[in-house]
Amino acid sequence: MKKLIIAGVIAIYFLSISAFAQVKPNLSANNHTNTTRTSSVVPDANKIRETPKPTPAAANAPRPVMSGNQAWGNAPITNLSERPRIAAASSKAQVAPVKNSTAPTTVSAPTALSAPTQTYRVGVGDILDIQIPDSLSNRSTLYTVADGGLLDYPLAGAPISVGGLTTEVIAQRLRSAIKVLDNPEIKVKVRDYASHTAKVIGFVNLPGEKVLRREAVPLYVVLSEAMPLGDAVSVTILRNGKELPGVNLADVNSTNQTVIDGDVIKVSGQGAASTTEYFFAGGEVNAPGQKSFHSGLTLTQSIIASGGTGRNAGAIVRVSRQGTDGRLTATEYNLKNIQSGKAQDPLVQKNDRIEVSRDENR
């Protein structure tokens, strides 16, 4: 019995030792596990920092467009100093298109590119309006281009040559010539045009010289000022002694032909003989000059064709007619009596000279 008890005690003792030995390795294993887990964090973190190599498909895939904030968050930055460079590159990429879209375009001088119908070169007799916005001077801003194309502008010192120049170029020359002001802003424009003219004769109500406001002006613009008569059918332009192809007034597109300084515009009516027959009006009429004549024209009709009587016109109209001997004979008519029906409205003949008198009481 005692042997059994002793054997049982011995067995319990060894079982206890075995259990203790099993518990201790487990503790050691737990410590080893913790150590391994702690040390394994570093390799994992390093793996996160590494930039993965893209596969061929990913390398060829288009990269998404990122804003500045997205570039900061998604870029694989290994050095903190790289952040400013990436931000600057992103900002530059965004700003560049705006800068290019608003960049000024270099334009050549208008005198080199503009058509003659859009250009005017100043000449003798033109009146220029020269203004300096910052100037407090009370002087007149109007200056006339003198003979030789010279402009006498006080602030410029000596007269400068402006003949044949555009207002833009004149402003540049004045800016360079003025020394009393520091790079002044100067505005120049033509106030009154006088140097470019074309002469209109023939079947028009208002013949004479017409001022051109450009180097070349469409024919229809000049004709609108001359007011062709109802029986006007064609126009011939004489330029430098040469006759240009005729213009049919019935063809609206043909009146786009340009007129330049020095041209003579001859408006013809129906019948070759009628184009050389005229009468002449003067005195107190609104549109004096050479007028086209046709058979059956009366005195009052000829005055209306001359623009009517002026505000200072008197009642007496003198008609001078050349006789076969070359001498002029004058006949006076009372216009008021003719208009009231008290006197007959006489017929006018070709080459008659009609002069409306002035009322001396006005």
Protein backbone atom coordinates (compact mmCIF):
# COMPACT_ATOMS: atom_id res chain seq x y z
CA MET A 1 0.00 0.00 0.00
CA LYS A 2 2.77 2.30 0.94
CA LYS A 3 4.46 1.49 -2.32
CA LEU A 4 1.34 2.48 -4.20
CA ILE A 5 1.09 5.74 -2.31
CA ILE A 6 4.76 6.54 -2.92
CA ALA A 7 4.42 5.66 -6.59
CA GLY A 8 1.40 7.93 -6.87
CA VAL A 9 3.24 10.80 -5.24
CA ILE A 10 6.19 10.32 -7.56
CA ALA A 11 3.87 10.26 -10.56
CA ILE A 12 2.16 13.45 -9.45
CA TYR A 13 5.56 15.08 -8.98
CA PHE A 14 6.71 14.23 -12.50
CA LEU A 15 3.40 15.30 -13.95
CA SER A 16 3.79 18.64 -12.20
CA ILE A 17 7.30 19.07 -13.57
CA SER A 18 6.12 18.21 -17.06
CA ALA A 19 3.27 20.68 -16.88
CA PHE A 20 5.62 23.41 -15.68
CA ALA A 21 8.01 22.69 -18.52
CA GLN A 22 5.19 23.01 -21.03
CA VAL A 23 4.01 26.33 -19.62
CA LYS A 24 7.48 27.92 -19.73
CA PRO A 25 8.11 27.24 -23.43
CA ASN A 26 4.73 28.78 -24.15
CA LEU A 27 5.77 31.91 -22.35
CA SER A 28 8.98 31.90 -24.30
CA ALA A 29 7.03 31.36 -27.48
CA ASN A 30 4.77 34.26 -26.68
CA ASN A 31 7.76 36.47 -26.10
CA HIS A 32 9.27 35.28 -29.35
CA THR A 33 6.02 35.92 -31.13
CA ASN A 34 5.82 39.43 -29.76
CA THR A 35 9.39 40.07 -30.75
CA THR A 36 8.78 38.75 -34.21
CA ARG A 37 5.59 40.82 -34.57
CA THR A 38 7.36 43.96 -33.45
CA SER A 39 10.28 43.48 -35.80
CA SER A 40 7.98 42.62 -38.70
CA VAL A 41 6.42 46.12 -38.63
CA VAL A 42 9.54 47.73 -39.97
CA PRO A 43 9.81 45.61 -43.11
CA ASP A 44 6.11 46.19 -43.80
CA ALA A 45 6.54 49.94 -43.43
CA ASN A 46 9.51 49.89 -45.71
CA LYS A 47 7.48 47.96 -48.24
CA ILE A 48 4.82 50.68 -48.13
CA ARG A 49 7.41 53.39 -48.84
CA GLU A 50 8.76 51.56 -51.85
CA THR A 51 7.36 52.73 -55.19
CA PRO A 52 5.86 49.73 -56.93
CA LYS A 53 7.04 49.17 -60.45
CA PRO A 54 4.14 49.54 -62.86
CA THR A 55 3.19 46.69 -65.07
CA PRO A 56 3.40 47.34 -68.85
CA ALA A 57 -0.34 47.86 -69.02
CA ALA A 58 -0.29 50.29 -66.12
CA ALA A 59 2.70 52.14 -67.55
CA ASN A 60 0.89 52.77 -70.79
CA ALA A 61 -2.39 53.72 -69.13
CA PRO A 62 -3.17 57.48 -69.12
CA ARG A 63 -2.51 59.24 -65.83
CA PRO A 64 -5.47 61.03 -64.28
CA VAL A 65 -5.40 64.81 -64.20
CA MET A 66 -4.79 65.99 -60.66
CA SER A 67 -5.26 69.35 -59.06
CA GLY A 68 -2.60 70.85 -56.84
CA ASN A 69 -4.01 69.32 -53.68
CA GLN A 70 -4.33 65.89 -55.29
CA ALA A 71 -0.71 66.04 -56.48
CA TRP A 72 0.40 66.74 -52.95
CA GLY A 73 -1.53 63.73 -51.58
CA ASN A 74 -0.86 61.14 -54.27
CA ALA A 75 2.72 61.76 -55.38
CA PRO A 76 5.22 59.11 -54.12
CA ILE A 77 7.41 61.53 -52.18
CA THR A 78 10.48 60.05 -50.47
CA ASN A 79 12.09 63.37 -49.65
CA LEU A 80 10.15 66.19 -48.01
CA SER A 81 12.11 68.74 -49.99
CA GLU A 82 10.41 67.46 -53.14
CA ARG A 83 7.02 68.88 -52.11
CA PRO A 84 7.71 72.51 -53.10
CA ARG A 85 8.99 71.42 -56.51
CA ILE A 86 5.92 69.31 -57.19
CA ALA A 87 3.62 72.08 -56.02
CA ALA A 88 5.40 74.60 -58.22
CA ALA A 89 5.21 72.29 -61.21
CA SER A 90 1.50 71.74 -60.65
CA SER A 91 0.89 75.47 -60.27
CA LYS A 92 2.92 76.21 -63.39
CA ALA A 93 1.01 73.64 -65.39
CA GLN A 94 -2.24 75.31 -64.38
CA VAL A 95 -1.14 78.88 -64.94
CA ALA A 96 0.62 78.36 -68.29
CA PRO A 97 -2.52 77.85 -70.42
CA VAL A 98 -4.12 81.00 -68.99
CA LYS A 99 -1.00 82.99 -69.67
CA ASN A 100 -0.81 81.80 -73.25
CA SER A 101 -4.47 82.54 -73.89
CA THR A 102 -4.13 86.12 -72.71
CA ALA A 103 -0.76 86.90 -74.24
CA PRO A 104 -0.89 90.04 -76.44
CA THR A 105 -0.62 89.56 -80.17
CA THR A 106 1.93 91.61 -82.05
CA VAL A 107 0.23 93.69 -84.74
CA SER A 108 2.04 95.61 -87.42
CA ALA A 109 1.36 99.26 -88.06
CA PRO A 110 -2.09 99.84 -89.55
CA THR A 111 -0.60 101.84 -92.39
CA ALA A 112 1.21 98.73 -93.64
CA LEU A 113 -1.73 96.33 -93.51
CA SER A 114 -4.87 98.42 -93.89
CA ALA A 115 -6.59 98.78 -97.23
CA PRO A 116 -6.64 102.24 -98.90
CA THR A 117 -10.32 102.53 -97.98
CA GLN A 118 -9.30 102.33 -94.29
CA THR A 119 -6.22 104.56 -94.38
CA TYR A 120 -5.80 108.33 -94.51
CA ARG A 121 -2.47 110.09 -94.96
CA VAL A 122 -2.47 113.69 -93.86
CA GLY A 123 -1.86 116.41 -96.44
CA VAL A 124 -1.69 120.19 -96.86
CA GLY A 125 -4.78 121.98 -95.61
CA ASP A 126 -5.93 119.27 -93.22
CA ILE A 127 -6.78 120.46 -89.72
CA LEU A 128 -5.49 118.18 -86.96
CA ASP A 129 -6.86 117.91 -83.44
CA ILE A 130 -3.86 117.24 -81.17
CA GLN A 131 -4.67 116.54 -77.55
CA ILE A 132 -2.56 115.72 -74.50
CA PRO A 133 -5.03 114.34 -71.92
CA ASP A 134 -2.87 115.23 -68.88
CA SER A 135 -2.17 118.77 -70.06
CA LEU A 136 -3.87 121.67 -68.27
CA SER A 137 -3.24 124.15 -71.09
CA ASN A 138 -6.14 126.25 -72.39
CA ARG A 139 -4.64 126.55 -75.85
CA SER A 140 -6.52 125.46 -78.94
CA THR A 141 -5.86 121.89 -79.96
CA LEU A 142 -6.44 122.54 -83.68
CA TYR A 143 -3.47 122.90 -86.03
CA THR A 144 -3.44 123.22 -89.83
CA VAL A 145 -0.92 121.35 -91.96
CA ALA A 146 1.00 124.05 -93.82
CA ASP A 147 2.63 124.05 -97.26
CA GLY A 148 5.23 121.35 -97.64
CA GLY A 149 3.34 119.11 -95.19
CA LEU A 150 4.81 120.88 -92.15
CA LEU A 151 3.15 121.02 -88.74
CA ASP A 152 4.07 123.86 -86.40
CA TYR A 153 3.33 122.48 -82.95
CA PRO A 154 4.71 124.72 -80.15
CA LEU A 155 5.76 121.97 -77.74
CA ALA A 156 7.70 120.18 -80.47
CA GLY A 157 10.04 123.11 -81.03
CA ALA A 158 10.81 123.28 -84.75
CA PRO A 159 8.11 122.36 -87.31
CA ILE A 160 7.95 118.67 -88.11
CA SER A 161 7.07 117.04 -91.41
CA VAL A 162 3.75 115.20 -91.30
CA GLY A 163 2.73 115.15 -94.97
CA GLY A 164 1.87 111.64 -96.11
CA LEU A 165 1.77 110.23 -92.57
CA THR A 166 -1.13 108.67 -90.69
CA THR A 167 -2.36 110.14 -87.41
CA GLU A 168 -0.82 107.22 -85.50
CA VAL A 169 2.66 107.94 -86.89
CA ILE A 170 2.23 111.69 -86.29
CA ALA A 171 1.43 111.00 -82.63
CA GLN A 172 4.63 108.94 -82.32
CA ARG A 173 6.74 111.71 -83.87
CA LEU A 174 5.26 114.33 -81.57
CA ARG A 175 5.89 112.10 -78.56
CA SER A 176 9.57 111.88 -79.53
CA ALA A 177 9.88 115.59 -80.38
CA ILE A 178 8.35 116.95 -77.16
CA LYS A 179 11.13 117.29 -74.56
CA VAL A 180 9.36 119.36 -71.90
CA LEU A 181 7.11 116.43 -70.95
CA ASP A 182 8.18 112.96 -69.91
CA ASN A 183 6.79 110.48 -72.46
CA PRO A 184 3.43 112.23 -72.85
CA GLU A 185 0.31 110.51 -74.11
CA ILE A 186 -0.74 112.19 -77.37
CA LYS A 187 -3.92 111.70 -79.37
CA VAL A 188 -4.10 112.94 -82.96
CA LYS A 189 -7.11 112.88 -85.27
CA VAL A 190 -8.19 114.74 -88.38
CA ARG A 191 -10.74 117.41 -87.56
CA ASP A 192 -11.31 118.78 -91.08
CA TYR A 193 -10.36 116.95 -94.28
CA ALA A 194 -9.13 119.08 -97.16
CA SER A 195 -6.12 117.56 -98.94
CA HIS A 196 -7.87 114.70 -100.78
CA THR A 197 -10.47 115.72 -103.37
CA ALA A 198 -12.18 114.42 -106.49
CA LYS A 199 -14.07 116.54 -109.01
CA VAL A 200 -17.56 115.60 -110.21
CA ILE A 201 -19.02 117.01 -113.44
CA GLY A 202 -21.94 116.21 -115.68
CA PHE A 203 -25.44 115.04 -114.86
CA VAL A 204 -25.50 115.74 -111.12
CA ASN A 205 -27.33 118.23 -108.96
CA LEU A 206 -24.24 119.20 -106.94
CA PRO A 207 -21.12 119.21 -109.14
CA GLY A 208 -17.69 120.37 -108.03
CA GLU A 209 -14.93 119.11 -105.77
CA LYS A 210 -15.78 116.46 -103.20
CA VAL A 211 -13.58 115.84 -100.19
CA LEU A 212 -12.32 112.29 -99.67
CA ARG A 213 -11.82 111.05 -96.12
CA ARG A 214 -9.68 108.05 -97.04
CA GLU A 215 -6.96 107.23 -99.54
CA ALA A 216 -9.62 105.53 -101.65
CA VAL A 217 -13.39 105.95 -101.46
CA PRO A 218 -16.09 103.88 -103.19
CA LEU A 219 -17.67 105.63 -106.17
CA TYR A 220 -21.16 105.39 -104.74
CA VAL A 221 -20.11 107.49 -101.73
CA VAL A 222 -18.96 110.35 -103.95
CA LEU A 223 -22.04 110.08 -106.16
CA SER A 224 -24.31 110.28 -103.12
CA GLU A 225 -22.85 113.71 -102.36
CA ALA A 226 -23.11 114.88 -105.97
CA MET A 227 -26.72 113.61 -106.36
CA PRO A 228 -26.94 112.35 -109.98
CA LEU A 229 -29.94 113.46 -112.03
CA GLY A 230 -32.68 111.08 -112.98
CA ASP A 231 -31.44 110.73 -116.55
CA ALA A 232 -27.84 109.94 -115.54
CA VAL A 233 -26.88 106.55 -116.94
CA SER A 234 -23.09 106.13 -116.79
CA VAL A 235 -19.90 107.34 -115.16
CA THR A 236 -16.41 107.76 -116.55
CA ILE A 237 -13.40 108.30 -114.28
CA LEU A 238 -10.39 110.24 -115.54
CA ARG A 239 -7.23 109.35 -113.59
CA ASN A 240 -3.86 110.89 -114.37
CA GLY A 241 -5.07 111.81 -117.84
CA LYS A 242 -6.28 108.30 -118.62
CA GLU A 243 -9.89 107.21 -118.92
CA LEU A 244 -10.85 104.16 -116.87
CA PRO A 245 -13.50 101.67 -118.04
CA GLY A 246 -16.98 103.13 -117.87
CA VAL A 247 -19.42 102.40 -115.05
CA ASN A 248 -23.06 101.62 -115.73
CA LEU A 249 -25.19 103.19 -113.00
CA ALA A 250 -27.83 100.53 -113.54
CA ASP A 251 -25.31 97.97 -112.21
CA VAL A 252 -25.14 98.58 -108.47
CA ASN A 253 -22.04 96.41 -108.00
CA SER A 254 -20.04 98.46 -110.52
CA THR A 255 -20.33 101.56 -108.30
CA ASN A 256 -18.00 99.84 -105.78
CA GLN A 257 -15.08 101.00 -107.92
CA THR A 258 -12.79 103.20 -105.85
CA VAL A 259 -12.05 106.89 -106.35
CA ILE A 260 -8.71 108.42 -105.31
CA ASP A 261 -7.33 111.91 -104.88
CA GLY A 262 -7.24 113.87 -108.15
CA ASP A 263 -9.84 111.81 -110.02
CA VAL A 264 -12.35 113.52 -112.30
CA ILE A 265 -15.75 111.83 -112.30
CA LYS A 266 -17.86 112.52 -115.36
CA VAL A 267 -21.53 111.56 -115.07
CA SER A 268 -23.22 111.14 -118.44
CA GLY A 269 -26.89 111.14 -119.35
CA GLN A 270 -28.87 109.65 -122.20
CA GLY A 271 -27.59 110.74 -125.62
CA ALA A 272 -24.06 111.77 -126.43
CA ALA A 273 -25.01 115.33 -127.33
CA SER A 274 -26.68 116.02 -124.00
CA THR A 275 -23.49 115.27 -122.05
CA THR A 276 -21.83 118.42 -123.43
CA GLU A 277 -24.72 120.83 -122.81
CA TYR A 278 -24.75 122.85 -119.61
CA PHE A 279 -25.91 126.04 -117.98
CA PHE A 280 -24.18 127.86 -115.16
CA ALA A 281 -25.69 129.09 -111.89
CA GLY A 282 -24.21 131.54 -109.41
CA GLY A 283 -25.01 134.23 -106.86
CA GLU A 284 -27.37 133.43 -104.00
CA VAL A 285 -28.03 129.78 -104.77
CA ASN A 286 -27.21 126.88 -102.46
CA ALA A 287 -25.31 124.83 -105.06
CA PRO A 288 -23.63 127.10 -107.62
CA GLY A 289 -21.69 125.73 -110.56
CA GLN A 290 -22.07 123.94 -113.85
CA LYS A 291 -25.41 122.19 -114.31
CA SER A 292 -26.63 119.81 -116.98
CA PHE A 293 -29.02 121.27 -119.52
CA HIS A 294 -31.92 119.64 -121.33
CA SER A 295 -34.47 121.03 -123.73
CA GLY A 296 -37.51 122.71 -122.12
CA LEU A 297 -35.71 123.73 -118.91
CA THR A 298 -37.26 126.86 -117.33
CA LEU A 299 -35.68 129.51 -115.13
CA THR A 300 -37.33 128.33 -111.91
CA GLN A 301 -36.40 124.72 -112.70
CA SER A 302 -32.77 125.69 -113.21
CA ILE A 303 -32.73 127.45 -109.82
CA ILE A 304 -34.18 124.36 -108.12
CA ALA A 305 -31.52 122.23 -109.86
CA SER A 306 -28.95 124.58 -108.32
CA GLY A 307 -30.13 123.84 -104.80
CA GLY A 308 -32.68 126.63 -104.59
CA THR A 309 -32.16 130.22 -103.49
CA GLY A 310 -30.07 131.06 -100.44
CA ARG A 311 -31.26 132.80 -97.29
CA ASN A 312 -29.97 136.19 -98.50
CA ALA A 313 -31.40 135.92 -102.02
CA GLY A 314 -33.15 138.87 -103.56
CA ALA A 315 -36.01 138.93 -106.08
CA ILE A 316 -33.96 139.79 -109.17
CA VAL A 317 -32.45 137.02 -111.35
CA ARG A 318 -30.09 138.00 -114.16
CA VAL A 319 -29.77 135.67 -117.17
CA SER A 320 -26.75 136.32 -119.40
CA ARG A 321 -26.68 134.78 -122.87
CA GLN A 322 -23.94 134.78 -125.47
CA GLY A 323 -24.91 136.08 -128.87
CA THR A 324 -23.62 135.08 -132.29
CA ASP A 325 -21.05 137.85 -132.08
CA GLY A 326 -19.64 136.43 -128.83
CA ARG A 327 -21.03 139.22 -126.65
CA LEU A 328 -23.17 138.59 -123.58
CA THR A 329 -26.60 140.14 -123.25
CA ALA A 330 -28.24 140.21 -119.82
CA THR A 331 -31.96 140.04 -119.06
CA GLU A 332 -33.38 140.52 -115.56
CA TYR A 333 -36.41 138.71 -114.20
CA ASN A 334 -38.40 139.18 -111.01
CA LEU A 335 -38.45 135.78 -109.38
CA LYS A 336 -41.30 136.64 -107.02
CA ASN A 337 -43.53 137.67 -109.91
CA ILE A 338 -42.73 134.44 -111.73
CA GLN A 339 -43.47 132.33 -108.67
CA SER A 340 -46.75 134.15 -108.02
CA GLY A 341 -47.87 133.72 -111.66
CA LYS A 342 -47.72 137.41 -112.52
CA ALA A 343 -44.91 136.82 -115.05
CA GLN A 344 -44.08 133.99 -117.39
CA ASP A 345 -41.39 131.46 -116.45
CA PRO A 346 -38.88 131.87 -119.31
CA LEU A 347 -37.00 129.00 -120.93
CA VAL A 348 -33.29 128.62 -120.34
CA GLN A 349 -30.87 127.86 -123.16
CA LYS A 350 -27.65 125.89 -123.05
CA ASN A 351 -24.62 127.86 -121.83
CA ASP A 352 -26.86 130.46 -120.11
CA ARG A 353 -25.41 132.14 -117.02
CA ILE A 354 -27.98 132.51 -114.25
CA GLU A 355 -27.20 134.75 -111.28
CA VAL A 356 -29.53 135.28 -108.33
CA SER A 357 -29.06 138.69 -106.74
CA ARG A 358 -28.51 139.43 -103.06
CA ASP A 359 -31.11 141.23 -100.99
CA GLU A 360 -29.29 144.33 -99.80
CA ASN A 361 -31.81 144.89 -96.97
CA ARG A 362 -30.72 141.74 -95.14
